[in-house]
Amino acid sequence: MDRRKKNSARHLLPTPDVPTCETQMVHLENVRSCQSEIVTTAKAQQMAEFFAVLADPNRLRLLSALTSQELCVCDLAALTKMTQSAVSHQLRLLKAMRLVSYRREGRNVYYGLADNHVIDLYRGVAAHLEDSPV
């Protein structure tokens, strides 16, 4: 395990701040009732890759700009104060995860959110963070 992964995993170890069970007893009824709900390892890997793409502030800023309307790369670069090259690079990653789609109009390419699921996901996270105390 490299140093970065080791350091990021430290916060996952039990600490006095995180309550744990005092006795080791598995509640079989609870385990059985949740068994069909747990995601497969392959699906969890796909989801982790999806969320990793969203774990970048610049990509989230691009998504936030696209929640209201389609925008071309030039507009996105001006809004986010990024270069067109940097915006294009980020959009390529978002497109690979099917978060954005695009259409050509003459010489311009307009990007928009791929579907309502992406808007719902973005707005849901934003609302969650607004409602949660820091």
N, C-alpha and C. Protein backbone atom coordinates (compact mmCIF):
# COMPACT_ATOMS: atom_id res chain seq x y z
N MET A 1 0.85 -1.18 0.00
CA MET A 1 0.00 0.00 0.00
C MET A 1 0.89 1.24 0.00
N ASP A 2 0.62 2.17 -0.91
CA ASP A 2 1.47 3.35 -0.94
C ASP A 2 1.12 4.28 0.23
N ARG A 3 2.01 5.23 0.48
CA ARG A 3 1.87 6.11 1.64
C ARG A 3 0.56 6.89 1.62
N ARG A 4 0.15 7.36 0.44
CA ARG A 4 -1.08 8.16 0.35
C ARG A 4 -2.30 7.33 0.76
N LYS A 5 -2.39 6.09 0.25
CA LYS A 5 -3.51 5.23 0.62
C LYS A 5 -3.47 4.89 2.10
N LYS A 6 -2.27 4.65 2.63
CA LYS A 6 -2.12 4.31 4.03
C LYS A 6 -2.60 5.47 4.91
N ASN A 7 -2.20 6.70 4.56
CA ASN A 7 -2.61 7.87 5.34
C ASN A 7 -4.11 8.12 5.22
N SER A 8 -4.69 7.93 4.03
CA SER A 8 -6.12 8.18 3.88
C SER A 8 -6.95 7.10 4.57
N ALA A 9 -6.38 5.91 4.76
CA ALA A 9 -7.10 4.84 5.43
C ALA A 9 -7.05 4.98 6.95
N ARG A 10 -6.13 5.78 7.47
CA ARG A 10 -6.02 5.94 8.92
C ARG A 10 -7.30 6.45 9.55
N HIS A 11 -7.99 7.36 8.85
CA HIS A 11 -9.20 7.92 9.43
C HIS A 11 -10.33 6.90 9.51
N LEU A 12 -10.16 5.73 8.91
CA LEU A 12 -11.18 4.69 8.94
C LEU A 12 -11.05 3.76 10.15
N LEU A 13 -9.93 3.85 10.86
CA LEU A 13 -9.72 3.00 12.02
C LEU A 13 -10.59 3.48 13.18
N PRO A 14 -11.06 2.55 14.03
CA PRO A 14 -11.89 2.95 15.17
C PRO A 14 -11.14 3.94 16.07
N THR A 15 -11.84 4.96 16.47
CA THR A 15 -11.29 5.95 17.39
C THR A 15 -12.32 6.21 18.47
N PRO A 16 -11.92 6.89 19.52
CA PRO A 16 -12.90 7.20 20.57
C PRO A 16 -14.09 8.01 20.06
N ASP A 17 -13.91 8.73 18.93
CA ASP A 17 -15.00 9.54 18.38
C ASP A 17 -16.04 8.71 17.64
N VAL A 18 -15.67 7.48 17.24
CA VAL A 18 -16.57 6.64 16.46
C VAL A 18 -17.03 5.48 17.33
N PRO A 19 -18.30 5.47 17.70
CA PRO A 19 -18.79 4.38 18.56
C PRO A 19 -18.79 3.05 17.82
N THR A 20 -18.46 1.99 18.51
CA THR A 20 -18.49 0.64 17.96
C THR A 20 -19.23 -0.26 18.94
N CYS A 21 -19.57 -1.45 18.48
CA CYS A 21 -20.24 -2.41 19.35
C CYS A 21 -19.29 -2.87 20.45
N GLU A 22 -19.82 -3.02 21.64
CA GLU A 22 -18.99 -3.51 22.74
C GLU A 22 -18.95 -5.02 22.78
N THR A 23 -19.96 -5.66 22.20
CA THR A 23 -19.96 -7.12 22.12
C THR A 23 -20.01 -7.53 20.67
N GLN A 24 -19.35 -8.63 20.36
CA GLN A 24 -19.32 -9.15 18.99
C GLN A 24 -20.47 -10.14 18.83
N MET A 25 -21.61 -9.65 18.31
CA MET A 25 -22.76 -10.51 18.10
C MET A 25 -23.41 -10.13 16.78
N VAL A 26 -23.51 -11.08 15.87
CA VAL A 26 -24.12 -10.84 14.57
C VAL A 26 -25.62 -11.08 14.69
N HIS A 27 -26.40 -10.14 14.23
CA HIS A 27 -27.86 -10.25 14.23
C HIS A 27 -28.28 -10.83 12.88
N LEU A 28 -28.45 -12.15 12.85
CA LEU A 28 -28.68 -12.86 11.58
C LEU A 28 -29.91 -12.37 10.83
N GLU A 29 -30.97 -12.02 11.52
CA GLU A 29 -32.17 -11.53 10.84
C GLU A 29 -31.86 -10.25 10.08
N ASN A 30 -31.11 -9.35 10.70
CA ASN A 30 -30.75 -8.09 10.04
C ASN A 30 -29.84 -8.35 8.84
N VAL A 31 -28.88 -9.25 9.01
CA VAL A 31 -27.96 -9.57 7.92
C VAL A 31 -28.73 -10.17 6.76
N ARG A 32 -29.60 -11.12 7.04
CA ARG A 32 -30.38 -11.77 5.97
C ARG A 32 -31.30 -10.79 5.26
N SER A 33 -31.92 -9.87 6.00
CA SER A 33 -32.85 -8.93 5.36
C SER A 33 -32.12 -7.93 4.46
N CYS A 34 -30.85 -7.68 4.74
CA CYS A 34 -30.07 -6.73 3.92
C CYS A 34 -29.26 -7.42 2.83
N GLN A 35 -29.17 -8.73 2.87
CA GLN A 35 -28.31 -9.48 1.96
C GLN A 35 -28.60 -9.15 0.49
N SER A 36 -29.87 -9.05 0.12
CA SER A 36 -30.19 -8.80 -1.29
C SER A 36 -29.95 -7.35 -1.69
N GLU A 37 -29.79 -6.47 -0.72
CA GLU A 37 -29.60 -5.05 -1.01
C GLU A 37 -28.13 -4.66 -1.22
N ILE A 38 -27.21 -5.46 -0.73
CA ILE A 38 -25.80 -5.08 -0.81
C ILE A 38 -25.32 -5.16 -2.25
N VAL A 39 -24.58 -4.17 -2.65
CA VAL A 39 -24.12 -4.07 -4.02
C VAL A 39 -22.99 -5.08 -4.25
N THR A 40 -22.91 -5.59 -5.48
CA THR A 40 -21.84 -6.53 -5.81
C THR A 40 -20.51 -5.79 -5.84
N THR A 41 -19.43 -6.52 -5.72
CA THR A 41 -18.10 -5.92 -5.76
C THR A 41 -17.87 -5.22 -7.09
N ALA A 42 -18.28 -5.84 -8.18
CA ALA A 42 -18.08 -5.23 -9.51
C ALA A 42 -18.85 -3.92 -9.63
N LYS A 43 -20.10 -3.92 -9.16
CA LYS A 43 -20.92 -2.71 -9.21
C LYS A 43 -20.33 -1.64 -8.28
N ALA A 44 -19.84 -2.04 -7.13
CA ALA A 44 -19.22 -1.09 -6.21
C ALA A 44 -17.99 -0.44 -6.83
N GLN A 45 -17.23 -1.22 -7.59
CA GLN A 45 -16.06 -0.69 -8.28
C GLN A 45 -16.47 0.35 -9.32
N GLN A 46 -17.51 0.05 -10.09
CA GLN A 46 -18.02 1.00 -11.08
C GLN A 46 -18.48 2.29 -10.41
N MET A 47 -19.19 2.14 -9.31
CA MET A 47 -19.70 3.31 -8.59
C MET A 47 -18.56 4.13 -8.01
N ALA A 48 -17.53 3.47 -7.50
CA ALA A 48 -16.38 4.18 -6.95
C ALA A 48 -15.68 4.99 -8.04
N GLU A 49 -15.55 4.41 -9.23
CA GLU A 49 -14.93 5.14 -10.34
C GLU A 49 -15.78 6.34 -10.74
N PHE A 50 -17.09 6.17 -10.72
CA PHE A 50 -18.02 7.25 -11.03
C PHE A 50 -17.85 8.39 -10.03
N PHE A 51 -17.85 8.06 -8.74
CA PHE A 51 -17.70 9.09 -7.71
C PHE A 51 -16.30 9.70 -7.73
N ALA A 52 -15.31 8.94 -8.14
CA ALA A 52 -13.95 9.50 -8.24
C ALA A 52 -13.91 10.62 -9.28
N VAL A 53 -14.66 10.45 -10.36
CA VAL A 53 -14.72 11.51 -11.37
C VAL A 53 -15.36 12.76 -10.77
N LEU A 54 -16.33 12.58 -9.90
CA LEU A 54 -17.00 13.72 -9.27
C LEU A 54 -16.20 14.32 -8.13
N ALA A 55 -15.10 13.71 -7.77
CA ALA A 55 -14.31 14.16 -6.61
C ALA A 55 -13.32 15.27 -6.98
N ASP A 56 -13.62 16.01 -8.01
CA ASP A 56 -12.75 17.09 -8.45
C ASP A 56 -13.54 18.40 -8.45
N PRO A 57 -13.06 19.43 -7.76
CA PRO A 57 -13.81 20.69 -7.68
C PRO A 57 -14.06 21.33 -9.05
N ASN A 58 -13.11 21.24 -9.96
CA ASN A 58 -13.32 21.84 -11.28
C ASN A 58 -14.43 21.13 -12.05
N ARG A 59 -14.48 19.81 -11.96
CA ARG A 59 -15.54 19.08 -12.66
C ARG A 59 -16.90 19.40 -12.03
N LEU A 60 -16.95 19.55 -10.71
CA LEU A 60 -18.21 19.91 -10.07
C LEU A 60 -18.65 21.31 -10.46
N ARG A 61 -17.71 22.20 -10.61
CA ARG A 61 -18.05 23.56 -11.04
C ARG A 61 -18.61 23.54 -12.47
N LEU A 62 -18.03 22.71 -13.32
CA LEU A 62 -18.56 22.58 -14.68
C LEU A 62 -19.98 22.02 -14.65
N LEU A 63 -20.20 20.99 -13.85
CA LEU A 63 -21.54 20.43 -13.74
C LEU A 63 -22.53 21.47 -13.22
N SER A 64 -22.10 22.26 -12.23
CA SER A 64 -23.01 23.28 -11.68
C SER A 64 -23.39 24.30 -12.74
N ALA A 65 -22.44 24.65 -13.60
CA ALA A 65 -22.72 25.60 -14.68
C ALA A 65 -23.72 25.02 -15.67
N LEU A 66 -23.68 23.71 -15.85
CA LEU A 66 -24.54 23.07 -16.84
C LEU A 66 -25.91 22.69 -16.31
N THR A 67 -26.18 22.94 -15.03
CA THR A 67 -27.49 22.57 -14.48
C THR A 67 -28.62 23.40 -15.05
N SER A 68 -28.32 24.60 -15.52
CA SER A 68 -29.40 25.46 -16.00
C SER A 68 -29.53 25.48 -17.52
N GLN A 69 -28.41 25.27 -18.25
CA GLN A 69 -28.49 25.32 -19.71
C GLN A 69 -27.24 24.73 -20.34
N GLU A 70 -27.34 24.47 -21.64
CA GLU A 70 -26.18 24.04 -22.41
C GLU A 70 -25.23 25.21 -22.58
N LEU A 71 -23.94 24.90 -22.58
CA LEU A 71 -22.92 25.94 -22.77
C LEU A 71 -21.81 25.38 -23.65
N CYS A 72 -21.17 26.27 -24.41
CA CYS A 72 -20.04 25.83 -25.22
C CYS A 72 -18.77 25.89 -24.37
N VAL A 73 -17.71 25.30 -24.87
CA VAL A 73 -16.44 25.25 -24.14
C VAL A 73 -15.95 26.66 -23.81
N CYS A 74 -16.11 27.59 -24.76
CA CYS A 74 -15.68 28.98 -24.52
C CYS A 74 -16.43 29.59 -23.33
N ASP A 75 -17.74 29.38 -23.28
CA ASP A 75 -18.54 29.90 -22.17
C ASP A 75 -18.12 29.27 -20.84
N LEU A 76 -17.92 27.96 -20.86
CA LEU A 76 -17.51 27.26 -19.64
C LEU A 76 -16.14 27.74 -19.16
N ALA A 77 -15.23 27.97 -20.09
CA ALA A 77 -13.91 28.47 -19.72
C ALA A 77 -14.02 29.85 -19.08
N ALA A 78 -14.85 30.72 -19.65
CA ALA A 78 -15.02 32.06 -19.09
C ALA A 78 -15.67 32.02 -17.71
N LEU A 79 -16.68 31.17 -17.56
CA LEU A 79 -17.37 31.05 -16.28
C LEU A 79 -16.46 30.54 -15.16
N THR A 80 -15.67 29.54 -15.48
CA THR A 80 -14.85 28.89 -14.46
C THR A 80 -13.44 29.45 -14.35
N LYS A 81 -13.11 30.39 -15.25
CA LYS A 81 -11.76 30.98 -15.28
C LYS A 81 -10.68 29.91 -15.48
N MET A 82 -11.01 28.96 -16.36
CA MET A 82 -10.09 27.90 -16.74
C MET A 82 -9.76 28.08 -18.22
N THR A 83 -8.69 27.47 -18.67
CA THR A 83 -8.38 27.51 -20.09
C THR A 83 -9.34 26.59 -20.84
N GLN A 84 -9.52 26.86 -22.13
CA GLN A 84 -10.38 25.99 -22.93
C GLN A 84 -9.82 24.57 -22.96
N SER A 85 -8.51 24.45 -22.97
CA SER A 85 -7.88 23.13 -22.97
C SER A 85 -8.21 22.37 -21.68
N ALA A 86 -8.13 23.06 -20.54
CA ALA A 86 -8.44 22.42 -19.26
C ALA A 86 -9.91 22.02 -19.20
N VAL A 87 -10.79 22.90 -19.69
CA VAL A 87 -12.22 22.59 -19.71
C VAL A 87 -12.47 21.38 -20.58
N SER A 88 -11.87 21.34 -21.75
CA SER A 88 -12.05 20.21 -22.67
C SER A 88 -11.58 18.90 -22.02
N HIS A 89 -10.47 18.96 -21.33
CA HIS A 89 -9.95 17.77 -20.65
C HIS A 89 -10.96 17.27 -19.61
N GLN A 90 -11.49 18.18 -18.80
CA GLN A 90 -12.46 17.79 -17.77
C GLN A 90 -13.75 17.28 -18.40
N LEU A 91 -14.20 17.91 -19.47
CA LEU A 91 -15.41 17.46 -20.14
C LEU A 91 -15.23 16.08 -20.75
N ARG A 92 -14.04 15.77 -21.21
CA ARG A 92 -13.76 14.44 -21.76
C ARG A 92 -13.98 13.37 -20.68
N LEU A 93 -13.52 13.65 -19.47
CA LEU A 93 -13.71 12.70 -18.37
C LEU A 93 -15.19 12.59 -17.99
N LEU A 94 -15.88 13.72 -17.94
CA LEU A 94 -17.31 13.70 -17.61
C LEU A 94 -18.11 12.98 -18.69
N LYS A 95 -17.72 13.14 -19.92
CA LYS A 95 -18.39 12.46 -21.03
C LYS A 95 -18.14 10.95 -20.96
N ALA A 96 -16.93 10.54 -20.59
CA ALA A 96 -16.60 9.12 -20.48
C ALA A 96 -17.48 8.43 -19.43
N MET A 97 -17.86 9.17 -18.40
CA MET A 97 -18.74 8.61 -17.36
C MET A 97 -20.21 8.88 -17.65
N ARG A 98 -20.49 9.39 -18.84
CA ARG A 98 -21.85 9.67 -19.31
C ARG A 98 -22.58 10.68 -18.42
N LEU A 99 -21.83 11.64 -17.87
CA LEU A 99 -22.43 12.70 -17.07
C LEU A 99 -22.83 13.89 -17.93
N VAL A 100 -22.12 14.09 -19.03
CA VAL A 100 -22.46 15.17 -19.96
C VAL A 100 -22.59 14.60 -21.37
N SER A 101 -23.34 15.31 -22.17
CA SER A 101 -23.47 14.99 -23.58
C SER A 101 -23.20 16.28 -24.35
N TYR A 102 -23.05 16.15 -25.65
CA TYR A 102 -22.77 17.34 -26.43
C TYR A 102 -23.50 17.29 -27.76
N ARG A 103 -23.59 18.46 -28.38
CA ARG A 103 -24.14 18.56 -29.73
C ARG A 103 -23.36 19.63 -30.47
N ARG A 104 -23.23 19.45 -31.76
CA ARG A 104 -22.54 20.42 -32.61
C ARG A 104 -23.56 21.36 -33.23
N GLU A 105 -23.20 22.61 -33.27
CA GLU A 105 -24.00 23.60 -33.98
C GLU A 105 -23.02 24.47 -34.76
N GLY A 106 -22.90 24.18 -36.04
CA GLY A 106 -21.89 24.87 -36.84
C GLY A 106 -20.50 24.52 -36.35
N ARG A 107 -19.74 25.54 -35.99
CA ARG A 107 -18.38 25.31 -35.49
C ARG A 107 -18.31 25.16 -33.98
N ASN A 108 -19.43 25.36 -33.31
CA ASN A 108 -19.44 25.29 -31.85
C ASN A 108 -19.94 23.93 -31.36
N VAL A 109 -19.45 23.55 -30.20
CA VAL A 109 -19.90 22.33 -29.54
C VAL A 109 -20.51 22.76 -28.21
N TYR A 110 -21.76 22.38 -27.99
CA TYR A 110 -22.48 22.73 -26.77
C TYR A 110 -22.61 21.49 -25.88
N TYR A 111 -22.26 21.68 -24.62
CA TYR A 111 -22.35 20.61 -23.64
C TYR A 111 -23.53 20.83 -22.72
N GLY A 112 -24.12 19.74 -22.29
CA GLY A 112 -25.21 19.77 -21.32
C GLY A 112 -25.13 18.54 -20.46
N LEU A 113 -25.89 18.53 -19.39
CA LEU A 113 -25.93 17.35 -18.54
C LEU A 113 -26.63 16.23 -19.29
N ALA A 114 -26.14 15.03 -19.11
CA ALA A 114 -26.61 13.89 -19.90
C ALA A 114 -28.09 13.59 -19.70
N ASP A 115 -28.56 13.69 -18.46
CA ASP A 115 -29.97 13.41 -18.19
C ASP A 115 -30.36 13.96 -16.82
N ASN A 116 -31.61 13.79 -16.47
CA ASN A 116 -32.11 14.32 -15.21
C ASN A 116 -31.49 13.66 -13.99
N HIS A 117 -30.99 12.43 -14.13
CA HIS A 117 -30.34 11.77 -13.00
C HIS A 117 -29.13 12.56 -12.53
N VAL A 118 -28.39 13.11 -13.49
CA VAL A 118 -27.19 13.88 -13.14
C VAL A 118 -27.59 15.15 -12.41
N ILE A 119 -28.62 15.82 -12.89
CA ILE A 119 -29.12 17.03 -12.22
C ILE A 119 -29.58 16.68 -10.81
N ASP A 120 -30.34 15.60 -10.68
CA ASP A 120 -30.84 15.18 -9.37
C ASP A 120 -29.70 14.86 -8.42
N LEU A 121 -28.69 14.17 -8.92
CA LEU A 121 -27.53 13.81 -8.10
C LEU A 121 -26.82 15.07 -7.62
N TYR A 122 -26.55 15.99 -8.54
CA TYR A 122 -25.86 17.23 -8.19
C TYR A 122 -26.68 18.03 -7.17
N ARG A 123 -27.94 18.23 -7.44
CA ARG A 123 -28.79 19.03 -6.54
C ARG A 123 -28.99 18.33 -5.20
N GLY A 124 -29.07 17.01 -5.21
CA GLY A 124 -29.22 16.26 -3.96
C GLY A 124 -28.01 16.43 -3.06
N VAL A 125 -26.82 16.35 -3.61
CA VAL A 125 -25.60 16.52 -2.82
C VAL A 125 -25.51 17.96 -2.32
N ALA A 126 -25.81 18.92 -3.19
CA ALA A 126 -25.76 20.33 -2.79
C ALA A 126 -26.74 20.59 -1.64
N ALA A 127 -27.95 20.05 -1.74
CA ALA A 127 -28.96 20.24 -0.70
C ALA A 127 -28.52 19.56 0.60
N HIS A 128 -27.95 18.37 0.48
CA HIS A 128 -27.48 17.65 1.66
C HIS A 128 -26.43 18.48 2.41
N LEU A 129 -25.52 19.07 1.68
CA LEU A 129 -24.47 19.86 2.31
C LEU A 129 -25.01 21.16 2.92
N GLU A 130 -26.04 21.72 2.32
CA GLU A 130 -26.66 22.92 2.88
C GLU A 130 -27.39 22.60 4.18
N ASP A 131 -28.00 21.43 4.23
CA ASP A 131 -28.78 21.03 5.40
C ASP A 131 -27.93 20.50 6.54
N SER A 132 -26.71 20.06 6.24
CA SER A 132 -25.84 19.44 7.25
C SER A 132 -25.02 20.49 7.97
N PRO A 133 -24.98 20.39 9.30
CA PRO A 133 -24.09 21.31 10.04
C PRO A 133 -22.64 20.96 9.79
N VAL A 134 -21.80 21.96 9.72
CA VAL A 134 -20.37 21.74 9.46
C VAL A 134 -19.62 21.50 10.74
